[in-house]
Structures are given as structure tokens and as C-alpha cells.
Protein backbone atom coordinates (compact mmCIF):
# COMPACT_ATOMS: atom_id res chain seq x y z
CA UNK A 1 -5.05 -18.40 7.94
CA UNK A 2 -5.14 -14.68 7.27
CA UNK A 3 -2.94 -13.75 4.35
CA UNK A 4 -1.98 -10.44 2.77
CA UNK A 5 0.33 -10.89 -0.20
CA UNK A 6 1.87 -7.82 -1.81
CA UNK A 7 3.18 -7.76 -5.35
CA UNK A 8 4.20 -5.26 -8.00
CA UNK A 9 7.28 -3.79 -6.41
CA UNK A 10 10.52 -3.36 -8.28
CA UNK A 11 12.77 -0.77 -9.83
CA UNK A 12 11.49 2.46 -11.33
CA UNK A 13 13.18 5.60 -12.55
CA UNK A 14 12.41 8.99 -11.03
CA UNK A 15 9.19 10.18 -12.62
CA UNK A 16 8.12 6.63 -13.39
CA UNK A 17 5.22 4.56 -12.12
CA UNK A 18 4.53 1.31 -10.31
CA UNK A 19 1.29 -0.37 -9.33
CA UNK A 20 1.28 -2.41 -6.12
CA UNK A 21 -1.31 -5.06 -5.37
CA UNK A 22 -2.27 -6.76 -2.12
CA UNK A 23 -4.32 -9.93 -2.31
CA UNK A 24 -6.18 -10.71 0.91
CA UNK A 25 -7.77 -13.88 2.25
CA UNK A 26 -8.95 -15.38 5.53
CA UNK A 27 -11.11 -12.49 6.75
CA UNK A 28 -14.07 -10.39 5.67
CA UNK A 29 -12.18 -8.04 3.39
CA UNK A 30 -15.06 -5.67 2.72
CA UNK A 31 -15.43 -4.88 6.44
CA UNK A 32 -11.84 -3.66 6.86
CA UNK A 33 -10.07 -0.45 6.13
CA UNK A 34 -7.01 -1.20 4.03
CA UNK A 35 -3.77 0.72 4.42
CA UNK A 36 -0.41 0.95 2.75
CA UNK A 37 2.63 1.63 4.91
CA UNK A 38 6.25 2.01 3.96
CA UNK A 39 9.52 1.87 5.82
CA UNK A 40 13.00 2.79 4.70
CA UNK A 41 16.16 1.79 6.60
CA UNK A 42 16.72 4.03 9.61
CA UNK A 43 13.37 5.76 9.26
CA UNK A 44 10.04 5.52 11.03
CA UNK A 45 7.27 3.50 9.50
CA UNK A 46 4.99 5.83 7.57
CA UNK A 47 1.36 5.40 6.64
CA UNK A 48 1.12 6.15 2.95
CA UNK A 49 -2.57 5.77 2.25
CA UNK A 50 -5.79 4.36 3.62
CA UNK A 51 -9.03 3.36 1.99
CA UNK A 52 -11.94 2.89 4.36
CA UNK A 53 -14.57 0.18 4.09
CA UNK A 54 -16.98 2.76 2.70
CA UNK A 55 -14.54 3.84 0.00
CA UNK A 56 -13.18 7.08 1.41
CA UNK A 57 -9.44 7.68 1.17
CA UNK A 58 -6.67 9.64 2.84
CA UNK A 59 -3.01 10.10 1.96
CA UNK A 60 0.22 11.18 3.54
CA UNK A 61 1.20 14.69 2.51
CA UNK A 62 4.34 13.31 0.90
CA UNK A 63 2.37 11.33 -1.69
CA UNK A 64 -0.75 13.43 -2.26
CA UNK A 65 -1.38 14.00 -5.93
CA UNK A 66 0.98 11.20 -6.93
CA UNK A 67 -0.40 8.01 -5.36
CA UNK A 68 -3.90 6.56 -5.58
CA UNK A 69 -5.29 3.79 -3.38
CA UNK A 70 -8.22 1.71 -4.57
CA UNK A 71 -9.90 -1.57 -3.73
CA UNK A 72 -11.83 -4.30 -5.49
CA UNK A 73 -13.93 -6.06 -2.88
CA UNK A 74 -15.04 -8.72 -5.34
CA UNK A 75 -11.39 -9.73 -5.74
CA UNK A 76 -10.32 -9.07 -2.13
CA UNK A 77 -7.55 -6.87 -3.45
CA UNK A 78 -6.26 -3.39 -2.65
CA UNK A 79 -4.03 -1.44 -5.03
CA UNK A 80 -1.61 1.44 -4.81
CA UNK A 81 -0.95 3.27 -8.05
CA UNK A 82 2.29 5.23 -7.67
CA UNK A 83 3.04 7.90 -10.24
CA UNK A 84 5.80 10.47 -10.54
CA UNK A 85 8.03 8.42 -8.28
CA UNK A 86 10.83 10.12 -6.40
CA UNK A 87 14.02 8.66 -4.88
CA UNK A 88 12.59 9.27 -1.41
CA UNK A 89 9.77 6.83 -2.21
CA UNK A 90 12.28 3.97 -1.98
CA UNK A 91 11.13 1.68 0.84
CA UNK A 92 9.52 -1.62 1.65
CA UNK A 93 5.78 -1.22 1.19
CA UNK A 94 3.44 -3.16 3.45
CA UNK A 95 -0.25 -3.89 3.15
CA UNK A 96 -2.31 -3.66 6.33
CA UNK A 97 -5.91 -4.57 7.13
CA UNK A 98 -7.46 -2.71 10.05
CA UNK A 99 -10.83 -3.16 11.68
CA UNK A 100 -10.30 -0.80 14.61
CA UNK A 101 -9.96 -3.81 16.91
CA UNK A 102 -7.54 -6.02 15.00
CA UNK A 103 -5.11 -5.76 12.16
CA UNK A 104 -3.07 -7.91 9.81
CA UNK A 105 0.14 -7.33 7.89
CA UNK A 106 1.60 -8.57 4.66
CA UNK A 107 5.23 -9.50 4.07
CA UNK A 108 6.11 -6.36 2.14
CA UNK A 109 7.36 -5.60 -1.34
CA UNK A 110 10.48 -3.60 -2.17
CA UNK A 111 10.20 -0.41 -4.19
CA UNK A 112 13.40 1.11 -5.51
CA UNK A 113 13.52 4.45 -7.32
CA UNK A 114 16.83 5.19 -8.95
CA UNK A 115 18.27 6.41 -12.20
């Protein structure tokens, strides 16, 4: 019954922007930290950003200053605004809900950065 549905991925040029969305249902969204992960072929899964239930945020060093995570609890949605995209940002991006005791994953959305 829990669902996390990512959208907004696609093709961007280096220096361009994309905005990812993750629509959540089936759990108490406001009580969970929400995270964005990414994984490229042959590489380890990387946590990109987290927004805590209280609104605090943290980012991977590789995206600091370029990406912004936000949430709208009224809409049960978390966003990832990605600016100044680089080719190394190419990956499948996954939405994750984490309570500290349990977590849920979305299906992922592909982000490609290429000229």
C-alpha cells in the first residue's frame, strides 16, 4: 500500500536544470525523513540529499550548492531541484522514506546529462 512515485527525470545539458518530484502515499509522510539516492551503473548507491521531518537538510559534498531538497507535507511530496547539472550526475534517482525503524523506496527516475 505504500507508494513512492518519482517523476521529473529526463535529459538535460551540462549546466542545465531538472526538478524531481516524489509523491508519497500509504504512510504518515510528515513523520518521515525523506531522502534522495542515486546510482549509476558500476557505482555504489549514493545518498544525495536528506530532509528531516523537522525541515533540516543535508547534502552530499558532490551536490552541495547545486541541489536543493524540499518537501510539501500538505501534498505528501518531496522535491529535488537540480541546478548546474554535470555529466557525473547521470544516474537513476530514487526517493526513500526513512523513519529510523523502517524505510520505503520508489521505482526510480532516470536522469541523463549530456550535450
